[in-house]
Every structure is written in C-alpha cells, then in structure tokens.
Amino acid sequence: MLLPPSSLLSIPVVDRLTSAWSSLRVEERAAGLVLRNWGFRSRWMWTSEGPVHALVRPAQRTEAGPPIVLLHGLVASGADFFPLLRRLTHTGRMLVAPDLPGHGLTPAPHAGMHPRRLQQALEQALRQLLPARSPAVVYGSSLGGLAALRLALHQPDLVGGLVLASPGGAPLGEPELSRFLERFRMRDTEAARSFVRDMRARPSWVPVVVAWGVRARFGRPEVRELLDAVDDEVWLSAEELSGLRQPAVVLWGKHERILVPAHRDFFLSALPGHVVFEEPDWLGHAAFLDDPDFIARHITQLRITPSGPPAASAPPPPS
C-alpha cells in the first residue's frame, strides 16, 4: 500500500500511526527471529528494578575468548546490533546484547525511568548472565557507552576491556544542554528525518516510514520520562574517569553530528592516558552501522590485561 506524504497527513493521524508502530515493537521482534537462526536466544533476568531482556548466544567452544557484551544507545535495542552480531558469531564467544530498561522488550523500571535505575538493572542482569571470573569485552554506543563506563568503574570484575563509540555522559552547561536535549524531543517528522541523516557518516534520503519509526521510538512515554529525568547525577566527571583501569579504545568519528564538540573535548581531556582515542574519518554517530567490520575487529582484537593499554594493535582502516 502506498502511503501519502507526511505533509498530507494531519498531526493526530501521524501521532496515532507512530504510537501503533511503537507498541508493536516490530523491528525488535523481526530481528530477534532472524537472530534465532544464528543461535541467539531470549533470556530474561529478574532484577530489583524489574525484568531485563537480553539476546544471548552461548560460547560455541571452550577457550574461545572472553564474553562480548553490546550496549545500545537511546531508543535502540540489543536487536539493533544485528549487523555487528552477525560478524561476531564467527568468534565462538558468548555474545550478550541486553535491552536497557524502557528499551526493546525490557519494560521500564517499577519506580520510573531514571538513568541510575537503568544502570542498576543492567549491572544486576549482567551479573546473572556472565560466567563467574570471566570479565567481558564491552562495546557501548552513545548512551550504551556511558553505561559501559559506569559498569567498568562500579563493577570492575565484570569488565575486562572497553570499546566505546561516541560515548555519552559528558557534562554540558546551559544553554547548550537544553539545546542538545531538545533535539531528542522529536517534535515532528522532519526533525526525525534530520536526526536519522545525522546518525550516519554519509547522509542519505530518509523515507517517511523510517522517520515515523524513529519518531515512534522517541515518543514512547519511557523515553520522554528518561529525558525529563536528566540531572547532574547523570554526568561523568574527570575525577570519576580517572579511576578507569581496564584497557579501552574510544572511537569518535569525524562525522559525529549527534553529540556536540564539547562532548568529545571532555573525553579527550578526562580519560586516563592508557585509553586509546581514535577519530576515524569514515565514521559517524552510528559507527556500528557505518562500518560493522571495523568495529568487530576492534572488539575481537582487544586483549584483556590487568591494567595498561590494549595489547592489540588497531585494526587497519577499510580499503
């Protein structure tokens, strides 16, 4: 069926369509069905904040290497890592892609959507999922990067190393913070289109149906509640980051257009000296979509060591 341009649809009709799409969780369920063919299964963990869903593929052989955990960004889900998960299956390692509370198939915490509660639920869920004494390599993108950093700082026995792409959590002052958060309110379809274009290193035309889907995700009550709950407790500090001991690589694409330059500058100055900071000129905010092979190589080549820089050399750029 052909849909009329969004300009010909009334705002109430568009809102009803986006709400219906959101409630179905179509993308998450479809990707989950495909991932089942690759050995992934849904797992549910019970935490003090409520149930947490994760896609999990058990280790396929002994001594395959440390588990790999993928942490998604705002309004995304573990199933959105579809291109990256496919490339990591060859490692034979345990693969874990949780849905943060209020995202994907995981419901919002009982007491409401605050970043602190999301972090607590994630930490409790991973403690149930990961084998004892098997610290994982954790990849985090955007909001997932902030979650990965807090996990490494607060639960260091769970994290052996970090690969972060445009991590969130850098402090912003006013009025820059208000301008930054306003973009996530997704007031209309054109705002959603602009956001999707800016996610990728190479912007392209965004179909209206895709824009509706993105706007639907940002319009979920859980997401709006989370944005309203942002306070000073959310942000990382230079003092906090100084306690990071695990090997870590931070990737900040030259085409980053969702986060602002102040975010990059904070991490560049505040991260400990052993952290590798790279700025590939072919990556944007959604680095795992721009070049999933490059991200997969960074994850698989990161060697877990007690302290100090990663032992593996950086993967070569794409030809």
C-alpha atoms as a PDB file:
ATOM      1  CA  MET A   1       0.000   0.000   0.000  1.00  0.00           C
ATOM      2  CA  LEU A   2       1.302   3.452  -0.901  1.00  0.00           C
ATOM      3  CA  LEU A   3       1.279   5.964   1.938  1.00  0.00           C
ATOM      4  CA  PRO A   4       0.632   9.674   1.312  1.00  0.00           C
ATOM      5  CA  PRO A   5       3.413  12.163   2.086  1.00  0.00           C
ATOM      6  CA  SER A   6       3.556  13.201   5.717  1.00  0.00           C
ATOM      7  CA  SER A   7       2.624  16.771   4.724  1.00  0.00           C
ATOM      8  CA  LEU A   8      -0.817  15.475   3.655  1.00  0.00           C
ATOM      9  CA  LEU A   9      -1.492  13.730   6.934  1.00  0.00           C
ATOM     10  CA  SER A  10      -2.849  15.527   9.967  1.00  0.00           C
ATOM     11  CA  ILE A  11      -0.744  15.615  13.118  1.00  0.00           C
ATOM     12  CA  PRO A  12      -3.248  13.422  15.072  1.00  0.00           C
ATOM     13  CA  VAL A  13      -3.158  10.765  12.329  1.00  0.00           C
ATOM     14  CA  VAL A  14       0.660  10.714  12.284  1.00  0.00           C
ATOM     15  CA  ASP A  15       0.716  10.510  16.062  1.00  0.00           C
ATOM     16  CA  ARG A  16      -1.677   7.535  16.031  1.00  0.00           C
ATOM     17  CA  LEU A  17       0.411   5.768  13.383  1.00  0.00           C
ATOM     18  CA  THR A  18       3.669   6.282  15.265  1.00  0.00           C
ATOM     19  CA  SER A  19       2.065   5.174  18.532  1.00  0.00           C
ATOM     20  CA  ALA A  20       0.744   1.972  16.916  1.00  0.00           C
ATOM     21  CA  TRP A  21       4.140   1.183  15.378  1.00  0.00           C
ATOM     22  CA  SER A  22       5.844   1.753  18.731  1.00  0.00           C
ATOM     23  CA  SER A  23       3.504  -0.559  20.619  1.00  0.00           C
ATOM     24  CA  LEU A  24       4.124  -3.447  18.221  1.00  0.00           C
ATOM     25  CA  ARG A  25       7.937  -3.447  18.726  1.00  0.00           C
ATOM     26  CA  VAL A  26       8.069  -4.680  15.116  1.00  0.00           C
ATOM     27  CA  GLU A  27      11.780  -4.167  14.488  1.00  0.00           C
ATOM     28  CA  GLU A  28      12.932  -5.863  17.681  1.00  0.00           C
ATOM     29  CA  ARG A  29      10.740  -8.914  17.127  1.00  0.00           C
ATOM     30  CA  ALA A  30      11.669  -9.321  13.448  1.00  0.00           C
ATOM     31  CA  ALA A  31      15.408  -9.073  14.134  1.00  0.00           C
ATOM     32  CA  GLY A  32      15.057 -11.474  17.033  1.00  0.00           C
ATOM     33  CA  LEU A  33      13.507 -14.104  14.772  1.00  0.00           C
ATOM     34  CA  VAL A  34      16.454 -13.906  12.362  1.00  0.00           C
ATOM     35  CA  LEU A  35      18.997 -13.966  15.168  1.00  0.00           C
ATOM     36  CA  ARG A  36      17.471 -17.195  16.465  1.00  0.00           C
ATOM     37  CA  ASN A  37      18.777 -18.871  13.310  1.00  0.00           C
ATOM     38  CA  TRP A  38      22.277 -17.854  14.374  1.00  0.00           C
ATOM     39  CA  GLY A  39      21.966 -19.406  17.806  1.00  0.00           C
ATOM     40  CA  PHE A  40      20.688 -16.423  19.803  1.00  0.00           C
ATOM     41  CA  ARG A  41      18.004 -16.922  22.411  1.00  0.00           C
ATOM     42  CA  SER A  42      15.943 -14.562  24.525  1.00  0.00           C
ATOM     43  CA  ARG A  43      16.880 -14.552  28.192  1.00  0.00           C
ATOM     44  CA  TRP A  44      15.047 -12.794  30.996  1.00  0.00           C
ATOM     45  CA  MET A  45      16.804 -11.738  34.198  1.00  0.00           C
ATOM     46  CA  TRP A  46      14.932 -10.564  37.304  1.00  0.00           C
ATOM     47  CA  THR A  47      16.404  -7.501  38.986  1.00  0.00           C
ATOM     48  CA  SER A  48      15.374  -5.128  41.762  1.00  0.00           C
ATOM     49  CA  GLU A  49      14.195  -2.734  39.032  1.00  0.00           C
ATOM     50  CA  GLY A  50      12.138  -5.332  37.169  1.00  0.00           C
ATOM     51  CA  PRO A  51      12.792  -7.858  34.376  1.00  0.00           C
ATOM     52  CA  VAL A  52      15.547  -7.300  31.820  1.00  0.00           C
ATOM     53  CA  HIS A  53      15.561  -8.926  28.383  1.00  0.00           C
ATOM     54  CA  ALA A  54      18.744  -9.873  26.503  1.00  0.00           C
ATOM     55  CA  LEU A  55      19.680 -11.692  23.328  1.00  0.00           C
ATOM     56  CA  VAL A  56      22.289 -14.282  24.245  1.00  0.00           C
ATOM     57  CA  ARG A  57      24.393 -16.677  22.197  1.00  0.00           C
ATOM     58  CA  PRO A  58      26.324 -19.111  24.412  1.00  0.00           C
ATOM     59  CA  ALA A  59      30.016 -19.732  23.802  1.00  0.00           C
ATOM     60  CA  GLN A  60      30.374 -22.218  20.953  1.00  0.00           C
ATOM     61  CA  ARG A  61      33.672 -23.679  22.095  1.00  0.00           C
ATOM     62  CA  THR A  62      35.850 -23.700  25.177  1.00  0.00           C
ATOM     63  CA  GLU A  63      38.672 -21.175  25.328  1.00  0.00           C
ATOM     64  CA  ALA A  64      37.023 -19.116  22.586  1.00  0.00           C
ATOM     65  CA  GLY A  65      37.855 -15.910  24.412  1.00  0.00           C
ATOM     66  CA  PRO A  66      36.148 -13.524  26.821  1.00  0.00           C
ATOM     67  CA  PRO A  67      32.422 -12.860  26.515  1.00  0.00           C
ATOM     68  CA  ILE A  68      31.326  -9.874  24.421  1.00  0.00           C
ATOM     69  CA  VAL A  69      28.592  -7.519  25.640  1.00  0.00           C
ATOM     70  CA  LEU A  70      26.990  -4.919  23.355  1.00  0.00           C
ATOM     71  CA  LEU A  71      25.208  -1.943  24.963  1.00  0.00           C
ATOM     72  CA  HIS A  72      22.909   0.125  22.767  1.00  0.00           C
ATOM     73  CA  GLY A  73      22.055   3.829  22.696  1.00  0.00           C
ATOM     74  CA  LEU A  74      18.915   5.802  23.458  1.00  0.00           C
ATOM     75  CA  VAL A  75      15.683   4.383  21.917  1.00  0.00           C
ATOM     76  CA  ALA A  76      17.638   1.468  20.412  1.00  0.00           C
ATOM     77  CA  SER A  77      17.710  -2.194  21.487  1.00  0.00           C
ATOM     78  CA  GLY A  78      20.030  -5.171  21.513  1.00  0.00           C
ATOM     79  CA  ALA A  79      18.480  -6.411  18.260  1.00  0.00           C
ATOM     80  CA  ASP A  80      19.596  -3.206  16.525  1.00  0.00           C
ATOM     81  CA  PHE A  81      23.160  -4.560  16.707  1.00  0.00           C
ATOM     82  CA  PHE A  82      22.065  -7.084  14.062  1.00  0.00           C
ATOM     83  CA  PRO A  83      24.932  -6.248  11.592  1.00  0.00           C
ATOM     84  CA  LEU A  84      27.560  -6.410  14.347  1.00  0.00           C
ATOM     85  CA  LEU A  85      26.199  -9.561  15.977  1.00  0.00           C
ATOM     86  CA  ARG A  86      26.320 -11.358  12.627  1.00  0.00           C
ATOM     87  CA  ARG A  87      30.015 -10.524  12.268  1.00  0.00           C
ATOM     88  CA  LEU A  88      30.849 -11.599  15.809  1.00  0.00           C
ATOM     89  CA  THR A  89      29.300 -15.065  15.615  1.00  0.00           C
ATOM     90  CA  HIS A  90      32.460 -16.460  13.988  1.00  0.00           C
ATOM     91  CA  THR A  91      34.426 -15.801  17.195  1.00  0.00           C
ATOM     92  CA  GLY A  92      32.623 -18.606  19.016  1.00  0.00           C
ATOM     93  CA  ARG A  93      32.489 -16.385  22.102  1.00  0.00           C
ATOM     94  CA  MET A  94      29.500 -15.791  24.334  1.00  0.00           C
ATOM     95  CA  LEU A  95      27.575 -12.815  22.897  1.00  0.00           C
ATOM     96  CA  VAL A  96      25.184 -10.735  25.001  1.00  0.00           C
ATOM     97  CA  ALA A  97      23.008  -7.844  23.772  1.00  0.00           C
ATOM     98  CA  PRO A  98      20.706  -6.595  26.543  1.00  0.00           C
ATOM     99  CA  ASP A  99      17.739  -4.263  26.142  1.00  0.00           C
ATOM    100  CA  LEU A 100      18.153  -1.478  28.688  1.00  0.00           C
ATOM    101  CA  PRO A 101      15.035  -0.811  30.807  1.00  0.00           C
ATOM    102  CA  GLY A 102      12.388   1.039  28.819  1.00  0.00           C
ATOM    103  CA  HIS A 103      14.004  -0.092  25.543  1.00  0.00           C
ATOM    104  CA  GLY A 104      13.360  -3.007  23.221  1.00  0.00           C
ATOM    105  CA  LEU A 105      11.454  -5.719  25.060  1.00  0.00           C
ATOM    106  CA  THR A 106      12.526  -4.658  28.567  1.00  0.00           C
ATOM    107  CA  PRO A 107       9.813  -2.764  30.465  1.00  0.00           C
ATOM    108  CA  ALA A 108      10.526   0.425  32.384  1.00  0.00           C
ATOM    109  CA  PRO A 109      11.707   0.053  35.997  1.00  0.00           C
ATOM    110  CA  HIS A 110       8.981  -0.193  38.625  1.00  0.00           C
ATOM    111  CA  ALA A 111       9.988   3.128  40.183  1.00  0.00           C
ATOM    112  CA  GLY A 112      10.327   5.037  36.914  1.00  0.00           C
ATOM    113  CA  MET A 113      12.898   5.872  34.261  1.00  0.00           C
ATOM    114  CA  HIS A 114      15.968   7.383  35.864  1.00  0.00           C
ATOM    115  CA  PRO A 115      19.478   6.664  34.500  1.00  0.00           C
ATOM    116  CA  ARG A 116      20.522   5.368  37.915  1.00  0.00           C
ATOM    117  CA  ARG A 117      17.805   2.698  37.802  1.00  0.00           C
ATOM    118  CA  LEU A 118      18.755   1.681  34.263  1.00  0.00           C
ATOM    119  CA  GLN A 119      22.335   1.210  35.405  1.00  0.00           C
ATOM    120  CA  GLN A 120      21.364  -0.830  38.450  1.00  0.00           C
ATOM    121  CA  ALA A 121      19.171  -3.142  36.389  1.00  0.00           C
ATOM    122  CA  LEU A 122      21.918  -3.612  33.788  1.00  0.00           C
ATOM    123  CA  GLU A 123      24.547  -4.449  36.392  1.00  0.00           C
ATOM    124  CA  GLN A 124      22.302  -6.984  38.141  1.00  0.00           C
ATOM    125  CA  ALA A 125      21.302  -8.603  34.845  1.00  0.00           C
ATOM    126  CA  LEU A 126      24.884  -8.996  33.616  1.00  0.00           C
ATOM    127  CA  ARG A 127      25.957 -10.431  36.936  1.00  0.00           C
ATOM    128  CA  GLN A 128      23.398 -13.192  36.373  1.00  0.00           C
ATOM    129  CA  LEU A 129      24.320 -13.737  32.721  1.00  0.00           C
ATOM    130  CA  LEU A 130      28.120 -13.654  32.631  1.00  0.00           C
ATOM    131  CA  PRO A 131      30.132 -16.639  33.827  1.00  0.00           C
ATOM    132  CA  ALA A 132      31.971 -16.144  37.109  1.00  0.00           C
ATOM    133  CA  ARG A 133      35.517 -14.837  36.782  1.00  0.00           C
ATOM    134  CA  SER A 134      35.034 -14.173  33.056  1.00  0.00           C
ATOM    135  CA  PRO A 135      35.228 -10.402  32.574  1.00  0.00           C
ATOM    136  CA  ALA A 136      33.779  -9.329  29.250  1.00  0.00           C
ATOM    137  CA  VAL A 137      34.822  -7.037  26.453  1.00  0.00           C
ATOM    138  CA  VAL A 138      32.045  -4.429  26.483  1.00  0.00           C
ATOM    139  CA  TYR A 139      31.109  -2.348  23.450  1.00  0.00           C
ATOM    140  CA  GLY A 140      28.988   0.703  24.163  1.00  0.00           C
ATOM    141  CA  SER A 141      27.472   3.208  21.747  1.00  0.00           C
ATOM    142  CA  SER A 142      26.190   6.646  22.872  1.00  0.00           C
ATOM    143  CA  LEU A 143      24.019   6.017  25.976  1.00  0.00           C
ATOM    144  CA  GLY A 144      25.445   2.493  25.957  1.00  0.00           C
ATOM    145  CA  GLY A 145      28.938   3.995  26.135  1.00  0.00           C
ATOM    146  CA  LEU A 146      28.012   5.816  29.329  1.00  0.00           C
ATOM    147  CA  ALA A 147      26.532   2.585  30.719  1.00  0.00           C
ATOM    148  CA  ALA A 148      29.704   0.679  29.778  1.00  0.00           C
ATOM    149  CA  LEU A 149      31.948   3.219  31.509  1.00  0.00           C
ATOM    150  CA  ARG A 150      29.865   3.149  34.679  1.00  0.00           C
ATOM    151  CA  LEU A 151      29.866  -0.654  34.565  1.00  0.00           C
ATOM    152  CA  ALA A 152      33.670  -0.721  34.307  1.00  0.00           C
ATOM    153  CA  LEU A 153      34.025   1.774  37.172  1.00  0.00           C
ATOM    154  CA  HIS A 154      31.434   0.307  39.553  1.00  0.00           C
ATOM    155  CA  GLN A 155      31.599  -3.416  38.700  1.00  0.00           C
ATOM    156  CA  PRO A 156      35.195  -3.868  37.505  1.00  0.00           C
ATOM    157  CA  ASP A 157      35.127  -7.648  37.896  1.00  0.00           C
ATOM    158  CA  LEU A 158      32.542  -7.830  35.077  1.00  0.00           C
ATOM    159  CA  VAL A 159      34.546  -5.756  32.578  1.00  0.00           C
ATOM    160  CA  GLY A 160      37.894  -6.771  31.138  1.00  0.00           C
ATOM    161  CA  GLY A 161      38.058  -4.119  28.423  1.00  0.00           C
ATOM    162  CA  LEU A 162      36.032  -1.430  26.660  1.00  0.00           C
ATOM    163  CA  VAL A 163      35.417  -0.408  23.066  1.00  0.00           C
ATOM    164  CA  LEU A 164      33.334   2.779  23.023  1.00  0.00           C
ATOM    165  CA  ALA A 165      31.849   4.650  20.063  1.00  0.00           C
ATOM    166  CA  SER A 166      30.806   8.251  20.744  1.00  0.00           C
ATOM    167  CA  PRO A 167      30.036   7.551  24.412  1.00  0.00           C
ATOM    168  CA  GLY A 168      27.525   9.724  26.244  1.00  0.00           C
ATOM    169  CA  GLY A 169      27.813  11.144  29.728  1.00  0.00           C
ATOM    170  CA  ALA A 170      29.957  14.229  29.185  1.00  0.00           C
ATOM    171  CA  PRO A 171      28.684  17.206  31.231  1.00  0.00           C
ATOM    172  CA  LEU A 172      27.141  20.187  29.456  1.00  0.00           C
ATOM    173  CA  GLY A 173      26.168  23.549  30.866  1.00  0.00           C
ATOM    174  CA  GLU A 174      23.224  25.736  29.944  1.00  0.00           C
ATOM    175  CA  PRO A 175      22.023  26.749  27.432  1.00  0.00           C
ATOM    176  CA  GLU A 176      23.916  24.082  25.460  1.00  0.00           C
ATOM    177  CA  LEU A 177      22.346  21.247  27.465  1.00  0.00           C
ATOM    178  CA  SER A 178      18.789  22.403  26.741  1.00  0.00           C
ATOM    179  CA  ARG A 179      19.544  22.735  23.033  1.00  0.00           C
ATOM    180  CA  PHE A 180      21.102  19.284  22.999  1.00  0.00           C
ATOM    181  CA  LEU A 181      18.173  17.577  24.771  1.00  0.00           C
ATOM    182  CA  GLU A 182      15.602  19.400  22.632  1.00  0.00           C
ATOM    183  CA  ARG A 183      16.785  17.507  19.578  1.00  0.00           C
ATOM    184  CA  PHE A 184      15.678  14.240  21.183  1.00  0.00           C
ATOM    185  CA  ARG A 185      12.119  15.504  21.711  1.00  0.00           C
ATOM    186  CA  MET A 186      11.441  14.738  18.032  1.00  0.00           C
ATOM    187  CA  ARG A 187       8.611  17.263  17.598  1.00  0.00           C
ATOM    188  CA  ASP A 188       7.756  16.352  14.007  1.00  0.00           C
ATOM    189  CA  THR A 189       8.603  14.015  11.134  1.00  0.00           C
ATOM    190  CA  GLU A 190      11.152  16.377   9.595  1.00  0.00           C
ATOM    191  CA  ALA A 191      13.043  16.500  12.888  1.00  0.00           C
ATOM    192  CA  ALA A 192      13.136  12.691  12.842  1.00  0.00           C
ATOM    193  CA  ARG A 193      14.425  12.693   9.266  1.00  0.00           C
ATOM    194  CA  SER A 194      17.170  15.160  10.158  1.00  0.00           C
ATOM    195  CA  PHE A 195      18.171  13.058  13.151  1.00  0.00           C
ATOM    196  CA  VAL A 196      18.423   9.857  11.109  1.00  0.00           C
ATOM    197  CA  ARG A 197      20.514  11.631   8.443  1.00  0.00           C
ATOM    198  CA  ASP A 198      22.901  12.897  11.094  1.00  0.00           C
ATOM    199  CA  MET A 199      23.327   9.441  12.616  1.00  0.00           C
ATOM    200  CA  ARG A 200      25.316   8.208   9.646  1.00  0.00           C
ATOM    201  CA  ALA A 201      28.660   9.315   8.235  1.00  0.00           C
ATOM    202  CA  ARG A 202      27.166   9.601   4.749  1.00  0.00           C
ATOM    203  CA  PRO A 203      23.738  11.237   4.980  1.00  0.00           C
ATOM    204  CA  SER A 204      21.143   9.949   2.560  1.00  0.00           C
ATOM    205  CA  TRP A 205      17.456  10.414   1.824  1.00  0.00           C
ATOM    206  CA  VAL A 206      15.273   9.133   4.667  1.00  0.00           C
ATOM    207  CA  PRO A 207      11.886   7.607   3.716  1.00  0.00           C
ATOM    208  CA  VAL A 208       8.951   8.964   5.675  1.00  0.00           C
ATOM    209  CA  VAL A 209       8.154   5.482   7.042  1.00  0.00           C
ATOM    210  CA  VAL A 210      11.640   5.297   8.598  1.00  0.00           C
ATOM    211  CA  ALA A 211      11.154   8.752  10.096  1.00  0.00           C
ATOM    212  CA  TRP A 212       7.830   7.602  11.575  1.00  0.00           C
ATOM    213  CA  GLY A 213       9.524   4.599  13.149  1.00  0.00           C
ATOM    214  CA  VAL A 214      12.262   6.732  14.708  1.00  0.00           C
ATOM    215  CA  ARG A 215       9.752   9.288  15.942  1.00  0.00           C
ATOM    216  CA  ALA A 216       7.681   6.474  17.413  1.00  0.00           C
ATOM    217  CA  ARG A 217      10.650   5.290  19.435  1.00  0.00           C
ATOM    218  CA  PHE A 218      11.404   8.773  20.753  1.00  0.00           C
ATOM    219  CA  GLY A 219       7.721   9.297  21.504  1.00  0.00           C
ATOM    220  CA  ARG A 220       7.470   6.371  23.896  1.00  0.00           C
ATOM    221  CA  PRO A 221       6.479   7.544  27.392  1.00  0.00           C
ATOM    222  CA  GLU A 222       9.511   5.751  28.833  1.00  0.00           C
ATOM    223  CA  VAL A 223      11.909   7.729  26.654  1.00  0.00           C
ATOM    224  CA  ARG A 224      10.235  11.047  27.412  1.00  0.00           C
ATOM    225  CA  GLU A 225      10.383  10.253  31.127  1.00  0.00           C
ATOM    226  CA  LEU A 226      14.079   9.413  30.848  1.00  0.00           C
ATOM    227  CA  LEU A 227      14.858  12.702  29.091  1.00  0.00           C
ATOM    228  CA  ASP A 228      12.918  14.608  31.754  1.00  0.00           C
ATOM    229  CA  ALA A 229      14.899  12.813  34.486  1.00  0.00           C
ATOM    230  CA  VAL A 230      18.300  14.045  33.276  1.00  0.00           C
ATOM    231  CA  ASP A 231      20.070  15.802  36.148  1.00  0.00           C
ATOM    232  CA  ASP A 232      23.593  16.442  37.428  1.00  0.00           C
ATOM    233  CA  GLU A 233      23.798  12.871  38.718  1.00  0.00           C
ATOM    234  CA  VAL A 234      23.826  11.586  35.131  1.00  0.00           C
ATOM    235  CA  TRP A 235      27.105  13.155  34.068  1.00  0.00           C
ATOM    236  CA  LEU A 236      30.545  11.686  34.387  1.00  0.00           C
ATOM    237  CA  SER A 237      33.337  13.695  35.990  1.00  0.00           C
ATOM    238  CA  ALA A 238      37.041  13.802  35.248  1.00  0.00           C
ATOM    239  CA  GLU A 239      37.672  12.516  38.773  1.00  0.00           C
ATOM    240  CA  GLU A 240      35.383   9.547  38.171  1.00  0.00           C
ATOM    241  CA  LEU A 241      37.024   8.686  34.857  1.00  0.00           C
ATOM    242  CA  SER A 242      40.477   8.810  36.435  1.00  0.00           C
ATOM    243  CA  GLY A 243      39.578   5.554  38.181  1.00  0.00           C
ATOM    244  CA  LEU A 244      39.236   3.615  34.909  1.00  0.00           C
ATOM    245  CA  ARG A 245      41.784   0.782  34.895  1.00  0.00           C
ATOM    246  CA  GLN A 246      40.650  -1.524  32.089  1.00  0.00           C
ATOM    247  CA  PRO A 247      42.107  -1.404  28.580  1.00  0.00           C
ATOM    248  CA  ALA A 248      39.882   0.827  26.488  1.00  0.00           C
ATOM    249  CA  VAL A 249      39.520   2.228  22.993  1.00  0.00           C
ATOM    250  CA  VAL A 250      37.307   5.238  22.256  1.00  0.00           C
ATOM    251  CA  LEU A 251      36.187   5.798  18.661  1.00  0.00           C
ATOM    252  CA  TRP A 252      34.918   9.277  17.827  1.00  0.00           C
ATOM    253  CA  GLY A 253      34.075   9.549  14.139  1.00  0.00           C
ATOM    254  CA  LYS A 254      34.941  12.702  12.257  1.00  0.00           C
ATOM    255  CA  HIS A 255      31.307  12.748  11.040  1.00  0.00           C
ATOM    256  CA  GLU A 256      29.788  12.806  14.537  1.00  0.00           C
ATOM    257  CA  ARG A 257      26.741  15.100  14.289  1.00  0.00           C
ATOM    258  CA  ILE A 258      24.527  13.955  17.184  1.00  0.00           C
ATOM    259  CA  LEU A 259      26.865  14.678  20.078  1.00  0.00           C
ATOM    260  CA  VAL A 260      28.469  18.120  20.238  1.00  0.00           C
ATOM    261  CA  PRO A 261      32.188  19.071  20.172  1.00  0.00           C
ATOM    262  CA  ALA A 262      32.169  19.706  23.932  1.00  0.00           C
ATOM    263  CA  HIS A 263      31.421  16.001  24.483  1.00  0.00           C
ATOM    264  CA  ARG A 264      34.494  14.982  22.505  1.00  0.00           C
ATOM    265  CA  ASP A 265      36.698  17.552  24.224  1.00  0.00           C
ATOM    266  CA  PHE A 266      35.671  16.309  27.668  1.00  0.00           C
ATOM    267  CA  PHE A 267      36.576  12.690  26.981  1.00  0.00           C
ATOM    268  CA  LEU A 268      39.789  13.624  25.204  1.00  0.00           C
ATOM    269  CA  SER A 269      40.975  15.551  28.248  1.00  0.00           C
ATOM    270  CA  ALA A 270      39.474  13.468  31.076  1.00  0.00           C
ATOM    271  CA  LEU A 271      40.200   9.853  30.084  1.00  0.00           C
ATOM    272  CA  PRO A 272      43.316   8.243  31.594  1.00  0.00           C
ATOM    273  CA  GLY A 273      46.459   8.172  29.488  1.00  0.00           C
ATOM    274  CA  HIS A 274      46.284   4.453  28.710  1.00  0.00           C
ATOM    275  CA  VAL A 275      42.976   4.854  26.830  1.00  0.00           C
ATOM    276  CA  VAL A 276      43.364   4.878  23.043  1.00  0.00           C
ATOM    277  CA  PHE A 277      41.352   7.690  21.408  1.00  0.00           C
ATOM    278  CA  GLU A 278      40.806   7.361  17.652  1.00  0.00           C
ATOM    279  CA  GLU A 279      38.945   9.643  15.236  1.00  0.00           C
ATOM    280  CA  PRO A 280      38.235   7.657  12.041  1.00  0.00           C
ATOM    281  CA  ASP A 281      37.214   9.922   9.186  1.00  0.00           C
ATOM    282  CA  TRP A 282      34.643   7.451   7.780  1.00  0.00           C
ATOM    283  CA  LEU A 283      32.514   7.024  10.918  1.00  0.00           C
ATOM    284  CA  GLY A 284      29.543   8.946  12.302  1.00  0.00           C
ATOM    285  CA  HIS A 285      27.454   8.509  15.437  1.00  0.00           C
ATOM    286  CA  ALA A 286      26.150   5.068  14.444  1.00  0.00           C
ATOM    287  CA  ALA A 287      29.622   3.631  13.955  1.00  0.00           C
ATOM    288  CA  PHE A 288      28.428   0.011  14.083  1.00  0.00           C
ATOM    289  CA  LEU A 289      26.233   0.741  11.045  1.00  0.00           C
ATOM    290  CA  ASP A 290      28.799   2.809   9.151  1.00  0.00           C
ATOM    291  CA  ASP A 291      31.459   0.091   9.363  1.00  0.00           C
ATOM    292  CA  PRO A 292      30.482  -3.008  11.375  1.00  0.00           C
ATOM    293  CA  ASP A 293      33.575  -4.901  10.180  1.00  0.00           C
ATOM    294  CA  PHE A 294      35.869  -2.236  11.633  1.00  0.00           C
ATOM    295  CA  ILE A 295      34.014  -2.251  14.949  1.00  0.00           C
ATOM    296  CA  ALA A 296      34.027  -6.058  15.092  1.00  0.00           C
ATOM    297  CA  ARG A 297      37.811  -6.116  14.558  1.00  0.00           C
ATOM    298  CA  HIS A 298      38.346  -3.658  17.394  1.00  0.00           C
ATOM    299  CA  ILE A 299      36.199  -5.762  19.721  1.00  0.00           C
ATOM    300  CA  THR A 300      37.800  -9.100  18.858  1.00  0.00           C
ATOM    301  CA  GLN A 301      41.390  -7.782  18.857  1.00  0.00           C
ATOM    302  CA  LEU A 302      41.161  -6.079  22.234  1.00  0.00           C
ATOM    303  CA  ARG A 303      43.171  -8.121  24.686  1.00  0.00           C
ATOM    304  CA  ILE A 304      42.123  -8.142  28.290  1.00  0.00           C
ATOM    305  CA  THR A 305      45.013  -7.286  30.592  1.00  0.00           C
ATOM    306  CA  PRO A 306      45.001  -6.393  34.299  1.00  0.00           C
ATOM    307  CA  SER A 307      45.963  -2.785  33.531  1.00  0.00           C
ATOM    308  CA  GLY A 308      47.585  -0.639  30.903  1.00  0.00           C
ATOM    309  CA  PRO A 309      46.856  -0.136  27.215  1.00  0.00           C
ATOM    310  CA  PRO A 310      45.336  -2.735  24.912  1.00  0.00           C
ATOM    311  CA  ALA A 311      47.878  -5.249  23.723  1.00  0.00           C
ATOM    312  CA  ALA A 312      46.436  -5.489  20.208  1.00  0.00           C
ATOM    313  CA  SER A 313      47.303  -3.016  17.504  1.00  0.00           C
ATOM    314  CA  ALA A 314      44.473  -1.020  15.974  1.00  0.00           C
ATOM    315  CA  PRO A 315      42.741  -2.673  13.019  1.00  0.00           C
ATOM    316  CA  PRO A 316      43.622  -1.245   9.627  1.00  0.00           C
ATOM    317  CA  PRO A 317      41.162   1.209   8.042  1.00  0.00           C
ATOM    318  CA  PRO A 318      38.830  -0.104   5.347  1.00  0.00           C
ATOM    319  CA  SER A 319      40.309  -0.357   1.893  1.00  0.00           C
END
